[in-house]
Amino acid sequence: MEFFKDRRTHITITVCLLSFCLLYVFLTPYIGFTPLFSLPYQPCTLSKTCNVTSNKDALEAALSEASMENKTIVIAIVNKAYVEGDKPMLDLFLDSFWLGEDTRKLVDHLLLVAVDETSFERCKFLRLHCYRLQMDDGVDSNGEKVYMSDSFIKMMWRRTLFLGEVLKRDYSFVFTDTDVMWLRNPFPMLSQNERIDLQISTDNFNGNEWSEDNPINTGFYFIRSNNKTMSLFDAWYAMKNNSVGLKEQDVLLNMMHEGVFKELGLTVRFLDTNYFSGFCKDSEDFKAVRTVHANCCRTISAKLTDLMAVIHDWERYKRASTNESLSTAWSNHVACSDSWKS
């Protein structure tokens, strides 16, 4: 009898404990108890900009969100001058992804780096991957940075420092200025050979993709994260204070001519303007062109005018593919030519 009495007691205790657990689970959400055991939950906003967890800082979170499976991302940097106006540069840049061939999917891997609050808020409104970059003291990040002005040069150096940090976090990337129109997916024309450290656009291609006589342009390039490229960016940024009056692109060009690329063991490929073109040198083949850069141009307003013409030329080319009576040729870059006269 004592055995059965103890068993009934054990069953009663077990039932009571189970009842308590069930009540706790079901009533906790409604009566405001804090759960005894819970996993941290940090939701992302609609802009794809995540709250930072204890294991990731803001940059790492932004990079991992935008990354492809092979830890490659597309990076563009914007400020207030590029997001405001009737048709801001950022909107035109994004339009090119919409109108380009096999480019829409790449927006999922685009990280917009905003250097002021206005551009950051605009980025979040557009539901893009966004990161807020803090600028150095004394750098005005808001207005237009006219080519080769003091503010322009400071902005370019801050950009260089930031991109070096991305490499050190083991991310490879395509860097693109927002005045580059992405008319076709560029990745099929970028070598996937991992021994090539840097593939960089040129103002005028000399016909040899390995020649250091090509005039480089840092407005579009693909760089792999490795010890050599990290060392390159460290050496590049270290030249900042000894390069008064030079933009970061000029300094990198000088470093190349002084043999720094060879000293670091870098393998660099220079991109053909027939595929990666610009206003300095138009592509001669609509069927081949991948990107069009508003280089050789001084002001944002001039870039916008002539890039709108590029978009119209591209749309006309696409219509011509079904209507042989339509001719295709790039419009003259009149606004950009005139921008140097003022």
C-alpha atoms as a PDB file:
ATOM      1  CA  MET A   1       0.000   0.000   0.000  1.00  0.00           C
ATOM      2  CA  GLU A   2       2.858   2.346   0.815  1.00  0.00           C
ATOM      3  CA  PHE A   3       4.209   1.796  -2.750  1.00  0.00           C
ATOM      4  CA  PHE A   4       0.966   2.876  -4.368  1.00  0.00           C
ATOM      5  CA  LYS A   5       0.683   5.897  -2.063  1.00  0.00           C
ATOM      6  CA  ASP A   6       4.224   7.094  -3.053  1.00  0.00           C
ATOM      7  CA  ARG A   7       3.446   6.540  -6.725  1.00  0.00           C
ATOM      8  CA  ARG A   8       0.254   8.611  -6.510  1.00  0.00           C
ATOM      9  CA  THR A   9       2.283  11.386  -4.839  1.00  0.00           C
ATOM     10  CA  HIS A  10       4.891  11.333  -7.610  1.00  0.00           C
ATOM     11  CA  ILE A  11       2.228  11.438 -10.322  1.00  0.00           C
ATOM     12  CA  THR A  12       0.497  14.381  -8.596  1.00  0.00           C
ATOM     13  CA  ILE A  13       3.754  16.351  -8.388  1.00  0.00           C
ATOM     14  CA  THR A  14       4.567  15.608 -12.041  1.00  0.00           C
ATOM     15  CA  VAL A  15       1.120  16.720 -13.211  1.00  0.00           C
ATOM     16  CA  CYS A  16       1.419  19.947 -11.214  1.00  0.00           C
ATOM     17  CA  LEU A  17       4.830  20.720 -12.699  1.00  0.00           C
ATOM     18  CA  LEU A  18       3.620  20.053 -16.249  1.00  0.00           C
ATOM     19  CA  SER A  19       0.573  22.248 -15.667  1.00  0.00           C
ATOM     20  CA  PHE A  20       2.730  25.071 -14.385  1.00  0.00           C
ATOM     21  CA  CYS A  21       5.061  24.831 -17.408  1.00  0.00           C
ATOM     22  CA  LEU A  22       2.171  24.896 -19.854  1.00  0.00           C
ATOM     23  CA  LEU A  23       0.616  27.913 -18.153  1.00  0.00           C
ATOM     24  CA  TYR A  24       3.973  29.721 -18.176  1.00  0.00           C
ATOM     25  CA  VAL A  25       4.515  29.110 -21.887  1.00  0.00           C
ATOM     26  CA  PHE A  26       1.024  30.203 -22.946  1.00  0.00           C
ATOM     27  CA  LEU A  27       0.549  33.147 -20.589  1.00  0.00           C
ATOM     28  CA  THR A  28       4.000  34.762 -20.766  1.00  0.00           C
ATOM     29  CA  PRO A  29       3.317  36.767 -24.000  1.00  0.00           C
ATOM     30  CA  TYR A  30       0.094  38.201 -22.561  1.00  0.00           C
ATOM     31  CA  ILE A  31       0.970  39.179 -19.012  1.00  0.00           C
ATOM     32  CA  GLY A  32       4.395  40.707 -19.636  1.00  0.00           C
ATOM     33  CA  PHE A  33       6.656  38.172 -17.879  1.00  0.00           C
ATOM     34  CA  THR A  34      10.262  38.084 -18.997  1.00  0.00           C
ATOM     35  CA  PRO A  35      11.069  34.558 -20.197  1.00  0.00           C
ATOM     36  CA  LEU A  36      13.533  32.617 -18.136  1.00  0.00           C
ATOM     37  CA  PHE A  37      15.249  31.330 -21.270  1.00  0.00           C
ATOM     38  CA  SER A  38      15.228  33.241 -24.540  1.00  0.00           C
ATOM     39  CA  LEU A  39      17.367  33.690 -27.660  1.00  0.00           C
ATOM     40  CA  PRO A  40      18.380  37.220 -28.636  1.00  0.00           C
ATOM     41  CA  TYR A  41      16.231  38.603 -31.458  1.00  0.00           C
ATOM     42  CA  GLN A  42      17.351  41.622 -33.414  1.00  0.00           C
ATOM     43  CA  PRO A  43      15.102  42.275 -36.412  1.00  0.00           C
ATOM     44  CA  CYS A  44      16.223  43.984 -39.608  1.00  0.00           C
ATOM     45  CA  THR A  45      14.460  47.093 -40.783  1.00  0.00           C
ATOM     46  CA  LEU A  46      12.784  47.182 -44.162  1.00  0.00           C
ATOM     47  CA  SER A  47      15.871  48.904 -45.537  1.00  0.00           C
ATOM     48  CA  LYS A  48      17.932  45.726 -45.009  1.00  0.00           C
ATOM     49  CA  THR A  49      20.010  47.666 -42.481  1.00  0.00           C
ATOM     50  CA  CYS A  50      20.317  45.334 -39.512  1.00  0.00           C
ATOM     51  CA  ASN A  51      20.616  46.219 -35.868  1.00  0.00           C
ATOM     52  CA  VAL A  52      24.063  45.238 -34.693  1.00  0.00           C
ATOM     53  CA  THR A  53      24.357  42.076 -32.623  1.00  0.00           C
ATOM     54  CA  SER A  54      26.925  41.560 -29.916  1.00  0.00           C
ATOM     55  CA  ASN A  55      29.020  39.432 -32.275  1.00  0.00           C
ATOM     56  CA  LYS A  56      29.139  41.861 -35.220  1.00  0.00           C
ATOM     57  CA  ASP A  57      29.887  45.525 -35.599  1.00  0.00           C
ATOM     58  CA  ALA A  58      27.889  47.693 -37.980  1.00  0.00           C
ATOM     59  CA  LEU A  59      30.291  47.353 -40.911  1.00  0.00           C
ATOM     60  CA  GLU A  60      30.576  43.588 -40.624  1.00  0.00           C
ATOM     61  CA  ALA A  61      26.807  43.274 -40.462  1.00  0.00           C
ATOM     62  CA  ALA A  62      26.381  45.416 -43.579  1.00  0.00           C
ATOM     63  CA  LEU A  63      29.075  43.536 -45.500  1.00  0.00           C
ATOM     64  CA  SER A  64      27.741  40.089 -44.638  1.00  0.00           C
ATOM     65  CA  GLU A  65      24.211  41.081 -45.654  1.00  0.00           C
ATOM     66  CA  ALA A  66      25.259  42.327 -49.084  1.00  0.00           C
ATOM     67  CA  SER A  67      27.839  39.624 -49.769  1.00  0.00           C
ATOM     68  CA  MET A  68      27.651  36.968 -52.458  1.00  0.00           C
ATOM     69  CA  GLU A  69      28.465  33.421 -51.419  1.00  0.00           C
ATOM     70  CA  ASN A  70      32.130  33.947 -52.311  1.00  0.00           C
ATOM     71  CA  LYS A  71      32.393  37.046 -50.084  1.00  0.00           C
ATOM     72  CA  THR A  72      32.290  39.482 -52.996  1.00  0.00           C
ATOM     73  CA  ILE A  73      30.233  42.673 -52.918  1.00  0.00           C
ATOM     74  CA  VAL A  74      29.610  45.787 -54.992  1.00  0.00           C
ATOM     75  CA  ILE A  75      30.373  49.050 -53.176  1.00  0.00           C
ATOM     76  CA  ALA A  76      29.366  52.601 -54.039  1.00  0.00           C
ATOM     77  CA  ILE A  77      29.772  55.732 -51.915  1.00  0.00           C
ATOM     78  CA  VAL A  78      27.222  58.558 -51.846  1.00  0.00           C
ATOM     79  CA  ASN A  79      26.702  61.917 -50.200  1.00  0.00           C
ATOM     80  CA  LYS A  80      23.899  64.463 -50.069  1.00  0.00           C
ATOM     81  CA  ALA A  81      24.750  65.956 -53.455  1.00  0.00           C
ATOM     82  CA  TYR A  82      24.163  62.586 -55.126  1.00  0.00           C
ATOM     83  CA  VAL A  83      20.725  61.883 -53.629  1.00  0.00           C
ATOM     84  CA  GLU A  84      18.946  65.242 -53.931  1.00  0.00           C
ATOM     85  CA  GLY A  85      17.383  67.008 -56.899  1.00  0.00           C
ATOM     86  CA  ASP A  86      14.742  66.283 -59.531  1.00  0.00           C
ATOM     87  CA  LYS A  87      16.787  63.354 -60.870  1.00  0.00           C
ATOM     88  CA  PRO A  88      19.689  62.663 -58.521  1.00  0.00           C
ATOM     89  CA  MET A  89      22.746  60.697 -59.541  1.00  0.00           C
ATOM     90  CA  LEU A  90      21.852  57.813 -57.247  1.00  0.00           C
ATOM     91  CA  ASP A  91      18.499  57.338 -58.976  1.00  0.00           C
ATOM     92  CA  LEU A  92      20.135  57.331 -62.402  1.00  0.00           C
ATOM     93  CA  PHE A  93      22.729  54.846 -61.166  1.00  0.00           C
ATOM     94  CA  LEU A  94      19.984  52.501 -59.945  1.00  0.00           C
ATOM     95  CA  ASP A  95      18.020  53.007 -63.181  1.00  0.00           C
ATOM     96  CA  SER A  96      20.954  51.509 -65.069  1.00  0.00           C
ATOM     97  CA  PHE A  97      20.650  48.292 -63.052  1.00  0.00           C
ATOM     98  CA  TRP A  98      16.964  48.162 -63.958  1.00  0.00           C
ATOM     99  CA  LEU A  99      17.557  48.801 -67.675  1.00  0.00           C
ATOM    100  CA  GLY A 100      20.767  46.813 -68.020  1.00  0.00           C
ATOM    101  CA  GLU A 101      21.113  43.215 -69.126  1.00  0.00           C
ATOM    102  CA  ASP A 102      21.394  40.681 -66.277  1.00  0.00           C
ATOM    103  CA  THR A 103      22.049  43.483 -63.772  1.00  0.00           C
ATOM    104  CA  ARG A 104      18.914  43.648 -61.614  1.00  0.00           C
ATOM    105  CA  LYS A 105      20.033  40.779 -59.396  1.00  0.00           C
ATOM    106  CA  LEU A 106      23.280  42.616 -58.607  1.00  0.00           C
ATOM    107  CA  VAL A 107      21.414  45.237 -56.569  1.00  0.00           C
ATOM    108  CA  ASP A 108      21.019  42.528 -53.910  1.00  0.00           C
ATOM    109  CA  HIS A 109      24.800  42.657 -53.502  1.00  0.00           C
ATOM    110  CA  LEU A 110      25.209  46.431 -53.661  1.00  0.00           C
ATOM    111  CA  LEU A 111      26.321  48.166 -50.470  1.00  0.00           C
ATOM    112  CA  LEU A 112      25.726  51.914 -50.464  1.00  0.00           C
ATOM    113  CA  VAL A 113      28.118  53.701 -48.138  1.00  0.00           C
ATOM    114  CA  ALA A 114      26.606  57.020 -47.048  1.00  0.00           C
ATOM    115  CA  VAL A 115      28.882  59.746 -45.726  1.00  0.00           C
ATOM    116  CA  ASP A 116      26.113  61.969 -44.323  1.00  0.00           C
ATOM    117  CA  GLU A 117      22.722  61.525 -42.713  1.00  0.00           C
ATOM    118  CA  THR A 118      20.717  62.695 -45.739  1.00  0.00           C
ATOM    119  CA  SER A 119      22.199  60.091 -48.072  1.00  0.00           C
ATOM    120  CA  PHE A 120      21.908  57.420 -45.381  1.00  0.00           C
ATOM    121  CA  GLU A 121      18.197  58.133 -44.898  1.00  0.00           C
ATOM    122  CA  ARG A 122      17.685  58.096 -48.665  1.00  0.00           C
ATOM    123  CA  CYS A 123      19.425  54.743 -48.898  1.00  0.00           C
ATOM    124  CA  LYS A 124      17.196  53.259 -46.202  1.00  0.00           C
ATOM    125  CA  PHE A 125      14.099  54.673 -47.908  1.00  0.00           C
ATOM    126  CA  LEU A 126      15.112  52.844 -51.108  1.00  0.00           C
ATOM    127  CA  ARG A 127      15.348  49.562 -49.138  1.00  0.00           C
ATOM    128  CA  LEU A 128      18.986  49.015 -50.067  1.00  0.00           C
ATOM    129  CA  HIS A 129      21.941  47.677 -48.114  1.00  0.00           C
ATOM    130  CA  CYS A 130      23.231  50.756 -46.302  1.00  0.00           C
ATOM    131  CA  TYR A 131      26.219  51.677 -44.165  1.00  0.00           C
ATOM    132  CA  ARG A 132      26.838  55.049 -42.501  1.00  0.00           C
ATOM    133  CA  LEU A 133      30.493  56.065 -42.788  1.00  0.00           C
ATOM    134  CA  GLN A 134      31.720  58.677 -40.341  1.00  0.00           C
ATOM    135  CA  MET A 135      33.941  61.305 -41.946  1.00  0.00           C
ATOM    136  CA  ASP A 136      37.132  62.768 -40.527  1.00  0.00           C
ATOM    137  CA  ASP A 137      36.974  66.066 -38.650  1.00  0.00           C
ATOM    138  CA  GLY A 138      37.098  69.035 -40.969  1.00  0.00           C
ATOM    139  CA  VAL A 139      35.672  67.176 -43.975  1.00  0.00           C
ATOM    140  CA  ASP A 140      32.383  68.594 -45.258  1.00  0.00           C
ATOM    141  CA  SER A 141      30.492  65.545 -46.489  1.00  0.00           C
ATOM    142  CA  ASN A 142      27.286  67.223 -47.644  1.00  0.00           C
ATOM    143  CA  GLY A 143      27.684  69.302 -50.793  1.00  0.00           C
ATOM    144  CA  GLU A 144      29.072  68.646 -54.242  1.00  0.00           C
ATOM    145  CA  LYS A 145      32.792  67.970 -54.294  1.00  0.00           C
ATOM    146  CA  VAL A 146      33.975  69.685 -57.457  1.00  0.00           C
ATOM    147  CA  TYR A 147      36.714  67.758 -59.218  1.00  0.00           C
ATOM    148  CA  MET A 148      40.158  68.401 -57.667  1.00  0.00           C
ATOM    149  CA  SER A 149      38.841  70.764 -54.991  1.00  0.00           C
ATOM    150  CA  ASP A 150      40.289  70.353 -51.491  1.00  0.00           C
ATOM    151  CA  SER A 151      37.075  68.716 -50.276  1.00  0.00           C
ATOM    152  CA  PHE A 152      37.097  66.348 -53.259  1.00  0.00           C
ATOM    153  CA  ILE A 153      40.635  65.198 -52.491  1.00  0.00           C
ATOM    154  CA  LYS A 154      39.866  64.673 -48.779  1.00  0.00           C
ATOM    155  CA  MET A 155      36.774  62.652 -49.676  1.00  0.00           C
ATOM    156  CA  MET A 156      38.777  60.412 -51.998  1.00  0.00           C
ATOM    157  CA  TRP A 157      41.350  59.686 -49.297  1.00  0.00           C
ATOM    158  CA  ARG A 158      38.642  58.837 -46.773  1.00  0.00           C
ATOM    159  CA  ARG A 159      37.217  56.462 -49.357  1.00  0.00           C
ATOM    160  CA  THR A 160      40.606  54.788 -49.776  1.00  0.00           C
ATOM    161  CA  LEU A 161      40.958  54.239 -46.024  1.00  0.00           C
ATOM    162  CA  PHE A 162      37.481  52.709 -45.809  1.00  0.00           C
ATOM    163  CA  LEU A 163      37.970  50.357 -48.748  1.00  0.00           C
ATOM    164  CA  GLY A 164      41.239  49.144 -47.247  1.00  0.00           C
ATOM    165  CA  GLU A 165      39.292  48.222 -44.118  1.00  0.00           C
ATOM    166  CA  VAL A 166      36.865  46.170 -46.231  1.00  0.00           C
ATOM    167  CA  LEU A 167      39.783  44.186 -47.694  1.00  0.00           C
ATOM    168  CA  LYS A 168      41.081  43.501 -44.192  1.00  0.00           C
ATOM    169  CA  ARG A 169      37.737  41.937 -43.325  1.00  0.00           C
ATOM    170  CA  ASP A 170      38.308  39.337 -46.065  1.00  0.00           C
ATOM    171  CA  TYR A 171      35.814  40.748 -48.578  1.00  0.00           C
ATOM    172  CA  SER A 172      36.639  41.165 -52.254  1.00  0.00           C
ATOM    173  CA  PHE A 173      34.679  43.847 -54.043  1.00  0.00           C
ATOM    174  CA  VAL A 174      33.852  45.776 -57.161  1.00  0.00           C
ATOM    175  CA  PHE A 175      34.096  49.444 -56.364  1.00  0.00           C
ATOM    176  CA  THR A 176      31.989  51.665 -58.591  1.00  0.00           C
ATOM    177  CA  ASP A 177      31.372  55.381 -58.659  1.00  0.00           C
ATOM    178  CA  THR A 178      27.672  56.200 -58.904  1.00  0.00           C
ATOM    179  CA  ASP A 179      28.334  57.997 -62.191  1.00  0.00           C
ATOM    180  CA  VAL A 180      28.984  54.596 -63.770  1.00  0.00           C
ATOM    181  CA  MET A 181      26.056  53.152 -65.717  1.00  0.00           C
ATOM    182  CA  TRP A 182      25.832  49.373 -65.473  1.00  0.00           C
ATOM    183  CA  LEU A 183      24.428  48.415 -68.891  1.00  0.00           C
ATOM    184  CA  ARG A 184      25.378  44.753 -68.660  1.00  0.00           C
ATOM    185  CA  ASN A 185      26.531  42.439 -65.902  1.00  0.00           C
ATOM    186  CA  PRO A 186      30.306  43.090 -65.770  1.00  0.00           C
ATOM    187  CA  PHE A 187      31.293  39.881 -63.990  1.00  0.00           C
ATOM    188  CA  PRO A 188      31.491  37.688 -67.125  1.00  0.00           C
ATOM    189  CA  MET A 189      34.139  40.122 -68.437  1.00  0.00           C
ATOM    190  CA  LEU A 190      36.061  40.188 -65.160  1.00  0.00           C
ATOM    191  CA  SER A 191      38.491  37.307 -64.891  1.00  0.00           C
ATOM    192  CA  GLN A 192      37.695  34.815 -62.144  1.00  0.00           C
ATOM    193  CA  ASN A 193      41.358  33.794 -62.006  1.00  0.00           C
ATOM    194  CA  GLU A 194      42.226  34.217 -58.329  1.00  0.00           C
ATOM    195  CA  ARG A 195      45.848  34.967 -59.182  1.00  0.00           C
ATOM    196  CA  ILE A 196      44.751  38.326 -60.611  1.00  0.00           C
ATOM    197  CA  ASP A 197      44.689  40.691 -57.649  1.00  0.00           C
ATOM    198  CA  LEU A 198      43.297  43.844 -59.239  1.00  0.00           C
ATOM    199  CA  GLN A 199      41.307  44.551 -62.412  1.00  0.00           C
ATOM    200  CA  ILE A 200      40.972  48.281 -62.955  1.00  0.00           C
ATOM    201  CA  SER A 201      39.330  50.549 -65.511  1.00  0.00           C
ATOM    202  CA  THR A 202      41.300  52.876 -67.772  1.00  0.00           C
ATOM    203  CA  ASP A 203      40.664  56.268 -69.301  1.00  0.00           C
ATOM    204  CA  ASN A 204      42.206  55.180 -72.600  1.00  0.00           C
ATOM    205  CA  PHE A 205      43.084  51.519 -73.160  1.00  0.00           C
ATOM    206  CA  ASN A 206      46.366  51.001 -75.008  1.00  0.00           C
ATOM    207  CA  GLY A 207      45.505  47.526 -76.301  1.00  0.00           C
ATOM    208  CA  ASN A 208      47.529  45.537 -73.751  1.00  0.00           C
ATOM    209  CA  GLU A 209      45.632  44.421 -70.662  1.00  0.00           C
ATOM    210  CA  TRP A 210      48.871  43.839 -68.726  1.00  0.00           C
ATOM    211  CA  SER A 211      50.625  47.098 -69.619  1.00  0.00           C
ATOM    212  CA  GLU A 212      51.323  49.572 -66.816  1.00  0.00           C
ATOM    213  CA  ASP A 213      51.320  52.320 -69.426  1.00  0.00           C
ATOM    214  CA  ASN A 214      47.508  52.282 -69.295  1.00  0.00           C
ATOM    215  CA  PRO A 215      46.090  55.386 -67.557  1.00  0.00           C
ATOM    216  CA  ILE A 216      44.116  53.909 -64.658  1.00  0.00           C
ATOM    217  CA  ASN A 217      40.791  55.152 -63.309  1.00  0.00           C
ATOM    218  CA  THR A 218      39.756  54.293 -59.743  1.00  0.00           C
ATOM    219  CA  GLY A 219      36.068  54.883 -60.494  1.00  0.00           C
ATOM    220  CA  PHE A 220      35.591  51.206 -61.313  1.00  0.00           C
ATOM    221  CA  TYR A 221      37.712  48.233 -60.296  1.00  0.00           C
ATOM    222  CA  PHE A 222      37.518  44.669 -58.996  1.00  0.00           C
ATOM    223  CA  ILE A 223      39.955  43.773 -56.219  1.00  0.00           C
ATOM    224  CA  ARG A 224      40.511  40.534 -54.330  1.00  0.00           C
ATOM    225  CA  SER A 225      41.154  40.463 -50.623  1.00  0.00           C
ATOM    226  CA  ASN A 226      44.608  39.067 -49.884  1.00  0.00           C
ATOM    227  CA  ASN A 227      47.823  40.117 -48.172  1.00  0.00           C
ATOM    228  CA  LYS A 228      49.145  41.812 -51.300  1.00  0.00           C
ATOM    229  CA  THR A 229      46.113  44.020 -51.852  1.00  0.00           C
ATOM    230  CA  MET A 230      45.914  44.899 -48.155  1.00  0.00           C
ATOM    231  CA  SER A 231      49.556  45.984 -48.302  1.00  0.00           C
ATOM    232  CA  LEU A 232      48.801  48.029 -51.412  1.00  0.00           C
ATOM    233  CA  PHE A 233      46.043  49.976 -49.678  1.00  0.00           C
ATOM    234  CA  ASP A 234      48.187  50.525 -46.603  1.00  0.00           C
ATOM    235  CA  ALA A 235      51.033  51.892 -48.736  1.00  0.00           C
ATOM    236  CA  TRP A 236      48.593  53.929 -50.821  1.00  0.00           C
ATOM    237  CA  TYR A 237      46.951  55.614 -47.843  1.00  0.00           C
ATOM    238  CA  ALA A 238      50.337  56.203 -46.226  1.00  0.00           C
ATOM    239  CA  MET A 239      51.129  58.549 -49.132  1.00  0.00           C
ATOM    240  CA  LYS A 240      48.216  60.854 -48.235  1.00  0.00           C
ATOM    241  CA  ASN A 241      50.166  63.498 -46.323  1.00  0.00           C
ATOM    242  CA  ASN A 242      53.034  63.536 -48.829  1.00  0.00           C
ATOM    243  CA  SER A 243      50.816  64.100 -51.858  1.00  0.00           C
ATOM    244  CA  VAL A 244      49.436  67.608 -51.453  1.00  0.00           C
ATOM    245  CA  GLY A 245      47.363  68.671 -54.454  1.00  0.00           C
ATOM    246  CA  LEU A 246      47.119  65.136 -55.833  1.00  0.00           C
ATOM    247  CA  LYS A 247      43.984  63.023 -55.778  1.00  0.00           C
ATOM    248  CA  GLU A 248      44.285  59.423 -54.678  1.00  0.00           C
ATOM    249  CA  GLN A 249      44.100  58.160 -58.285  1.00  0.00           C
ATOM    250  CA  ASP A 250      47.177  60.213 -59.248  1.00  0.00           C
ATOM    251  CA  VAL A 251      49.063  58.811 -56.270  1.00  0.00           C
ATOM    252  CA  LEU A 252      48.204  55.211 -57.205  1.00  0.00           C
ATOM    253  CA  LEU A 253      49.291  55.875 -60.793  1.00  0.00           C
ATOM    254  CA  ASN A 254      52.623  57.235 -59.550  1.00  0.00           C
ATOM    255  CA  MET A 255      53.078  54.229 -57.277  1.00  0.00           C
ATOM    256  CA  MET A 256      52.515  51.921 -60.239  1.00  0.00           C
ATOM    257  CA  HIS A 257      55.086  53.762 -62.358  1.00  0.00           C
ATOM    258  CA  GLU A 258      57.550  53.702 -59.459  1.00  0.00           C
ATOM    259  CA  GLY A 259      57.364  49.905 -59.352  1.00  0.00           C
ATOM    260  CA  VAL A 260      55.261  49.436 -56.201  1.00  0.00           C
ATOM    261  CA  PHE A 261      52.909  46.961 -57.916  1.00  0.00           C
ATOM    262  CA  LYS A 262      55.861  44.779 -58.861  1.00  0.00           C
ATOM    263  CA  GLU A 263      57.455  45.106 -55.409  1.00  0.00           C
ATOM    264  CA  LEU A 264      54.261  43.813 -53.807  1.00  0.00           C
ATOM    265  CA  GLY A 265      53.974  40.982 -56.331  1.00  0.00           C
ATOM    266  CA  LEU A 266      50.624  42.222 -57.588  1.00  0.00           C
ATOM    267  CA  THR A 267      49.061  40.890 -60.751  1.00  0.00           C
ATOM    268  CA  VAL A 268      47.036  43.705 -62.277  1.00  0.00           C
ATOM    269  CA  ARG A 269      44.779  43.570 -65.330  1.00  0.00           C
ATOM    270  CA  PHE A 270      43.797  46.779 -67.082  1.00  0.00           C
ATOM    271  CA  LEU A 271      40.268  46.823 -68.465  1.00  0.00           C
ATOM    272  CA  ASP A 272      39.481  47.442 -72.123  1.00  0.00           C
ATOM    273  CA  THR A 273      37.385  50.572 -72.759  1.00  0.00           C
ATOM    274  CA  ASN A 274      35.456  48.649 -75.396  1.00  0.00           C
ATOM    275  CA  TYR A 275      33.802  46.847 -72.460  1.00  0.00           C
ATOM    276  CA  PHE A 276      34.378  49.251 -69.558  1.00  0.00           C
ATOM    277  CA  SER A 277      34.030  52.583 -71.298  1.00  0.00           C
ATOM    278  CA  GLY A 278      33.697  56.213 -70.315  1.00  0.00           C
ATOM    279  CA  PHE A 279      33.438  59.728 -71.630  1.00  0.00           C
ATOM    280  CA  CYS A 280      37.218  59.848 -72.038  1.00  0.00           C
ATOM    281  CA  LYS A 281      36.910  56.987 -74.516  1.00  0.00           C
ATOM    282  CA  ASP A 282      33.579  55.651 -75.786  1.00  0.00           C
ATOM    283  CA  SER A 283      33.069  51.971 -76.450  1.00  0.00           C
ATOM    284  CA  GLU A 284      32.957  51.267 -80.156  1.00  0.00           C
ATOM    285  CA  ASP A 285      30.613  48.313 -79.743  1.00  0.00           C
ATOM    286  CA  PHE A 286      27.120  48.524 -78.241  1.00  0.00           C
ATOM    287  CA  LYS A 287      27.012  44.723 -78.251  1.00  0.00           C
ATOM    288  CA  ALA A 288      30.096  44.486 -76.036  1.00  0.00           C
ATOM    289  CA  VAL A 289      29.883  47.429 -73.632  1.00  0.00           C
ATOM    290  CA  ARG A 290      29.338  46.654 -69.953  1.00  0.00           C
ATOM    291  CA  THR A 291      29.694  49.977 -68.161  1.00  0.00           C
ATOM    292  CA  VAL A 292      29.844  53.654 -69.084  1.00  0.00           C
ATOM    293  CA  HIS A 293      31.618  56.048 -66.713  1.00  0.00           C
ATOM    294  CA  ALA A 294      31.137  59.820 -66.727  1.00  0.00           C
ATOM    295  CA  ASN A 295      34.869  60.421 -66.428  1.00  0.00           C
ATOM    296  CA  CYS A 296      36.605  63.405 -68.055  1.00  0.00           C
ATOM    297  CA  CYS A 297      33.816  65.533 -66.598  1.00  0.00           C
ATOM    298  CA  ARG A 298      33.956  68.214 -63.912  1.00  0.00           C
ATOM    299  CA  THR A 299      30.499  68.726 -62.339  1.00  0.00           C
ATOM    300  CA  ILE A 300      27.557  66.632 -61.220  1.00  0.00           C
ATOM    301  CA  SER A 301      25.094  68.604 -63.339  1.00  0.00           C
ATOM    302  CA  ALA A 302      27.134  67.984 -66.478  1.00  0.00           C
ATOM    303  CA  LYS A 303      27.486  64.290 -65.646  1.00  0.00           C
ATOM    304  CA  LEU A 304      23.727  63.981 -65.136  1.00  0.00           C
ATOM    305  CA  THR A 305      22.943  65.622 -68.467  1.00  0.00           C
ATOM    306  CA  ASP A 306      25.292  63.431 -70.466  1.00  0.00           C
ATOM    307  CA  LEU A 307      24.487  60.238 -68.547  1.00  0.00           C
ATOM    308  CA  MET A 308      20.802  60.752 -69.294  1.00  0.00           C
ATOM    309  CA  ALA A 309      21.839  60.820 -72.945  1.00  0.00           C
ATOM    310  CA  VAL A 310      23.696  57.521 -72.382  1.00  0.00           C
ATOM    311  CA  ILE A 311      20.539  55.940 -70.978  1.00  0.00           C
ATOM    312  CA  HIS A 312      18.534  57.196 -73.972  1.00  0.00           C
ATOM    313  CA  ASP A 313      21.213  55.846 -76.346  1.00  0.00           C
ATOM    314  CA  TRP A 314      21.017  52.487 -74.588  1.00  0.00           C
ATOM    315  CA  GLU A 315      17.231  52.357 -74.823  1.00  0.00           C
ATOM    316  CA  ARG A 316      17.440  53.269 -78.506  1.00  0.00           C
ATOM    317  CA  TYR A 317      19.956  50.470 -79.061  1.00  0.00           C
ATOM    318  CA  LYS A 318      17.639  47.965 -77.376  1.00  0.00           C
ATOM    319  CA  ARG A 319      14.751  49.080 -79.614  1.00  0.00           C
ATOM    320  CA  ALA A 320      17.031  48.844 -82.645  1.00  0.00           C
ATOM    321  CA  SER A 321      17.586  45.160 -81.962  1.00  0.00           C
ATOM    322  CA  THR A 322      14.002  44.618 -83.094  1.00  0.00           C
ATOM    323  CA  ASN A 323      13.891  47.489 -85.621  1.00  0.00           C
ATOM    324  CA  GLU A 324      16.807  47.547 -88.053  1.00  0.00           C
ATOM    325  CA  SER A 325      15.865  51.023 -89.329  1.00  0.00           C
ATOM    326  CA  LEU A 326      17.014  52.604 -86.051  1.00  0.00           C
ATOM    327  CA  SER A 327      20.655  53.686 -85.914  1.00  0.00           C
ATOM    328  CA  THR A 328      22.779  53.414 -82.771  1.00  0.00           C
ATOM    329  CA  ALA A 329      25.612  55.727 -81.793  1.00  0.00           C
ATOM    330  CA  TRP A 330      26.695  57.414 -78.602  1.00  0.00           C
ATOM    331  CA  SER A 331      25.614  61.013 -78.193  1.00  0.00           C
ATOM    332  CA  ASN A 332      28.347  63.622 -77.885  1.00  0.00           C
ATOM    333  CA  HIS A 333      29.171  64.471 -74.269  1.00  0.00           C
ATOM    334  CA  VAL A 334      28.537  68.170 -74.748  1.00  0.00           C
ATOM    335  CA  ALA A 335      27.747  69.109 -71.135  1.00  0.00           C
ATOM    336  CA  CYS A 336      30.891  67.452 -69.828  1.00  0.00           C
ATOM    337  CA  SER A 337      33.036  69.079 -72.484  1.00  0.00           C
ATOM    338  CA  ASP A 338      31.584  72.462 -71.533  1.00  0.00           C
ATOM    339  CA  SER A 339      32.088  71.785 -67.803  1.00  0.00           C
ATOM    340  CA  TRP A 340      35.811  72.470 -68.196  1.00  0.00           C
ATOM    341  CA  LYS A 341      35.202  75.952 -69.624  1.00  0.00           C
ATOM    342  CA  SER A 342      33.827  77.418 -66.408  1.00  0.00           C
END
